[in-house]
N, C-alpha and C. Protein backbone atom coordinates (compact mmCIF):
# COMPACT_ATOMS: atom_id res chain seq x y z
N UNK A 1 8.33 45.21 32.37
CA UNK A 1 6.55 44.90 33.21
C UNK A 1 5.71 44.75 31.68
N UNK A 2 4.74 43.81 31.55
CA UNK A 2 4.41 43.95 30.31
C UNK A 2 3.32 44.83 30.23
N UNK A 3 3.34 45.58 28.53
CA UNK A 3 2.31 46.03 28.70
C UNK A 3 1.24 45.44 28.44
N UNK A 4 0.20 47.02 28.25
CA UNK A 4 -1.08 46.26 28.32
C UNK A 4 -1.69 45.31 27.37
N UNK A 5 -1.23 45.53 26.36
CA UNK A 5 -1.32 44.70 24.89
C UNK A 5 -0.98 43.29 25.04
N UNK A 6 0.71 42.85 25.90
CA UNK A 6 0.95 41.51 25.78
C UNK A 6 0.32 41.03 27.44
N UNK A 7 -0.42 41.76 28.32
CA UNK A 7 -1.21 40.96 29.07
C UNK A 7 -2.28 40.92 28.68
N UNK A 8 -3.26 40.91 27.31
CA UNK A 8 -4.13 41.23 26.92
C UNK A 8 -4.25 39.95 26.18
N UNK A 9 -3.09 39.41 25.35
CA UNK A 9 -2.83 38.93 24.24
C UNK A 9 -2.37 37.32 25.79
N UNK A 10 -1.73 37.60 26.92
CA UNK A 10 -1.80 36.21 27.55
C UNK A 10 -3.68 35.87 28.60
N UNK A 11 -3.93 37.02 28.98
CA UNK A 11 -4.97 36.21 28.86
C UNK A 11 -6.30 35.52 28.16
N UNK A 12 -5.67 36.24 26.11
CA UNK A 12 -6.41 35.17 25.44
C UNK A 12 -5.77 34.22 25.67
N UNK A 13 -4.76 34.02 25.81
CA UNK A 13 -4.34 32.42 25.06
C UNK A 13 -5.20 31.59 26.22
N UNK A 14 -4.98 32.24 27.51
CA UNK A 14 -5.43 31.40 28.90
C UNK A 14 -6.91 30.94 28.62
N UNK A 15 -7.50 31.86 28.16
CA UNK A 15 -9.09 31.77 28.23
C UNK A 15 -9.28 30.56 26.77
N UNK A 16 -8.52 30.97 26.43
CA UNK A 16 -8.64 29.80 24.82
C UNK A 16 -8.60 28.31 25.36
N UNK A 17 -7.52 28.20 25.72
CA UNK A 17 -7.19 26.77 26.73
C UNK A 17 -8.29 26.59 27.71
N UNK A 18 -8.72 27.67 28.41
CA UNK A 18 -9.84 27.37 29.42
C UNK A 18 -11.01 26.82 28.24
N UNK A 19 -11.71 27.22 27.94
CA UNK A 19 -12.58 27.32 27.07
C UNK A 19 -11.83 26.05 26.28
N UNK A 20 -11.34 25.86 25.64
CA UNK A 20 -11.21 24.25 25.40
C UNK A 20 -11.25 23.40 25.97
N UNK A 21 -10.77 23.17 27.36
CA UNK A 21 -10.82 22.65 28.18
C UNK A 21 -12.56 22.20 28.26
N UNK A 22 -12.90 23.48 28.22
CA UNK A 22 -14.46 23.31 28.94
C UNK A 22 -15.56 22.54 27.34
N UNK A 23 -14.82 22.80 26.40
CA UNK A 23 -15.81 22.05 25.34
C UNK A 23 -15.55 20.41 25.58
N UNK A 24 -14.47 20.50 25.57
CA UNK A 24 -13.78 18.86 25.91
C UNK A 24 -14.69 18.12 26.59
N UNK A 25 -15.08 18.78 28.19
CA UNK A 25 -15.93 18.22 28.94
C UNK A 25 -17.28 18.50 28.44
N UNK A 26 -17.62 18.88 27.99
CA UNK A 26 -19.00 19.12 27.44
C UNK A 26 -19.20 17.90 26.03
N UNK A 27 -18.03 18.29 25.57
CA UNK A 27 -18.11 16.85 24.03
C UNK A 27 -17.72 15.95 24.34
N UNK A 28 -16.94 15.43 25.78
CA UNK A 28 -17.60 13.87 26.38
C UNK A 28 -18.33 13.68 27.36
N UNK A 29 -19.23 14.28 27.35
CA UNK A 29 -20.49 14.40 28.22
C UNK A 29 -20.10 13.73 29.78
N UNK A 30 -18.67 14.77 30.28
CA UNK A 30 -18.41 14.62 31.49
C UNK A 30 -19.73 15.75 32.28
N UNK A 31 -20.04 16.16 31.88
CA UNK A 31 -20.62 17.71 32.17
C UNK A 31 -22.07 17.85 31.46
N UNK A 32 -23.20 18.01 32.51
CA UNK A 32 -24.43 18.90 31.48
C UNK A 32 -24.65 20.62 32.58
N UNK A 33 -25.65 20.90 31.96
CA UNK A 33 -26.26 21.83 32.60
C UNK A 33 -27.46 22.47 32.40
N UNK A 34 -28.18 23.20 33.04
CA UNK A 34 -29.42 22.78 33.17
C UNK A 34 -29.33 23.91 34.15
N UNK A 35 -31.01 24.97 33.21
CA UNK A 35 -32.14 25.97 34.09
C UNK A 35 -32.72 25.52 34.62
N UNK A 36 -33.66 26.33 36.12
CA UNK A 36 -34.81 26.31 35.74
C UNK A 36 -35.05 27.37 36.49
N UNK A 37 -36.42 28.23 36.14
CA UNK A 37 -36.46 29.52 36.86
C UNK A 37 -37.92 29.50 37.35
N UNK A 38 -38.20 30.09 38.53
CA UNK A 38 -39.06 30.12 39.36
C UNK A 38 -40.44 28.80 39.39
N UNK A 39 -39.55 27.85 39.16
CA UNK A 39 -40.66 26.37 39.63
C UNK A 39 -40.52 25.64 38.42
N UNK A 40 -40.50 26.39 37.67
CA UNK A 40 -40.26 25.56 36.18
C UNK A 40 -39.58 24.76 35.95
N UNK A 41 -39.97 23.36 34.86
CA UNK A 41 -38.68 22.25 34.76
C UNK A 41 -37.63 23.23 34.28
N UNK A 42 -36.83 22.18 34.63
CA UNK A 42 -35.40 22.08 33.77
C UNK A 42 -35.02 22.31 32.50
N UNK A 43 -34.27 22.69 32.29
CA UNK A 43 -34.34 22.68 30.83
C UNK A 43 -32.70 22.36 30.16
N UNK A 44 -32.38 21.71 29.57
CA UNK A 44 -31.07 21.37 29.48
C UNK A 44 -30.53 22.17 28.55
N UNK A 45 -29.57 23.19 29.16
CA UNK A 45 -28.63 24.74 28.73
C UNK A 45 -27.11 23.49 28.08
N UNK A 46 -26.97 22.38 27.78
CA UNK A 46 -25.82 21.94 27.62
C UNK A 46 -25.51 22.31 25.98
N UNK A 47 -26.73 21.95 25.02
CA UNK A 47 -25.77 22.43 23.92
C UNK A 47 -26.02 23.92 23.83
N UNK A 48 -26.48 24.59 24.43
CA UNK A 48 -26.05 26.31 24.39
C UNK A 48 -24.88 26.93 24.93
N UNK A 49 -24.60 26.05 26.55
CA UNK A 49 -23.42 26.06 26.49
C UNK A 49 -22.06 25.93 26.08
N UNK A 50 -21.81 24.85 24.84
CA UNK A 50 -21.46 24.16 24.46
C UNK A 50 -20.75 25.15 22.83
N UNK A 51 -22.05 25.55 22.19
CA UNK A 51 -22.05 27.09 21.25
C UNK A 51 -21.58 28.10 21.79
N UNK A 52 -22.26 28.34 22.56
CA UNK A 52 -21.07 30.00 23.38
C UNK A 52 -19.99 29.79 23.76
N UNK A 53 -19.25 28.45 23.98
CA UNK A 53 -18.01 28.30 24.58
C UNK A 53 -17.46 28.52 23.10
N UNK A 54 -18.07 27.55 21.89
CA UNK A 54 -17.01 27.29 20.66
C UNK A 54 -16.88 28.87 19.99
N UNK A 55 -17.83 29.32 20.16
CA UNK A 55 -18.11 30.80 19.64
C UNK A 55 -17.06 31.74 20.48
N UNK A 56 -17.13 31.84 21.26
CA UNK A 56 -16.43 32.20 22.43
C UNK A 56 -14.34 31.87 21.61
N UNK A 57 -14.61 30.82 21.55
CA UNK A 57 -12.95 30.21 21.64
C UNK A 57 -12.58 30.85 20.39
N UNK A 58 -13.28 30.87 19.20
CA UNK A 58 -13.64 30.91 17.49
C UNK A 58 -12.92 32.69 17.37
N UNK A 59 -14.13 33.42 18.22
CA UNK A 59 -13.45 35.34 18.15
C UNK A 59 -12.19 35.26 18.94
N UNK A 60 -11.79 34.34 20.18
CA UNK A 60 -10.72 34.81 20.64
C UNK A 60 -9.32 34.55 19.87
N UNK A 61 -9.78 33.11 19.08
CA UNK A 61 -8.27 32.49 18.65
C UNK A 61 -8.40 33.48 17.18
N UNK A 62 -9.67 34.01 16.58
CA UNK A 62 -9.35 35.08 15.44
C UNK A 62 -8.90 36.35 16.15
N UNK A 63 -8.94 36.77 17.03
CA UNK A 63 -8.54 37.95 17.67
C UNK A 63 -6.81 37.68 17.68
N UNK A 64 -6.28 36.58 17.82
CA UNK A 64 -4.89 36.32 17.93
C UNK A 64 -4.17 35.72 16.65
N UNK A 65 -5.11 35.74 15.91
CA UNK A 65 -4.45 35.75 14.82
C UNK A 65 -4.04 37.06 13.91
N UNK A 66 -4.86 37.84 14.11
CA UNK A 66 -4.81 39.53 14.05
C UNK A 66 -3.47 40.18 14.53
N UNK A 67 -3.06 39.72 16.04
CA UNK A 67 -2.40 39.92 16.56
C UNK A 67 -0.66 39.55 16.01
N UNK A 68 -1.35 38.21 14.91
CA UNK A 68 0.32 37.45 14.80
C UNK A 68 0.13 36.51 15.38
N UNK A 69 -0.58 36.18 16.21
CA UNK A 69 -0.17 34.95 17.33
C UNK A 69 -1.15 33.61 17.27
N UNK A 70 -0.70 32.52 17.24
CA UNK A 70 -1.57 31.41 16.81
C UNK A 70 -1.45 30.98 15.63
């Protein structure tokens, strides 16, 4: 049975791969993200989502490096 650390590392690797896919999809302009609140005009949130995904990916990659992986 895997340890908690091994499970966490496996999750981080999967999350990095998922984030890389999301980043690629946004950069290839295959997806756009919008937000609307209480009848206000739609706001394009695509660049915000892209920046957040890149930040999360970098943070996870940094953690994996600290564990000596990646």
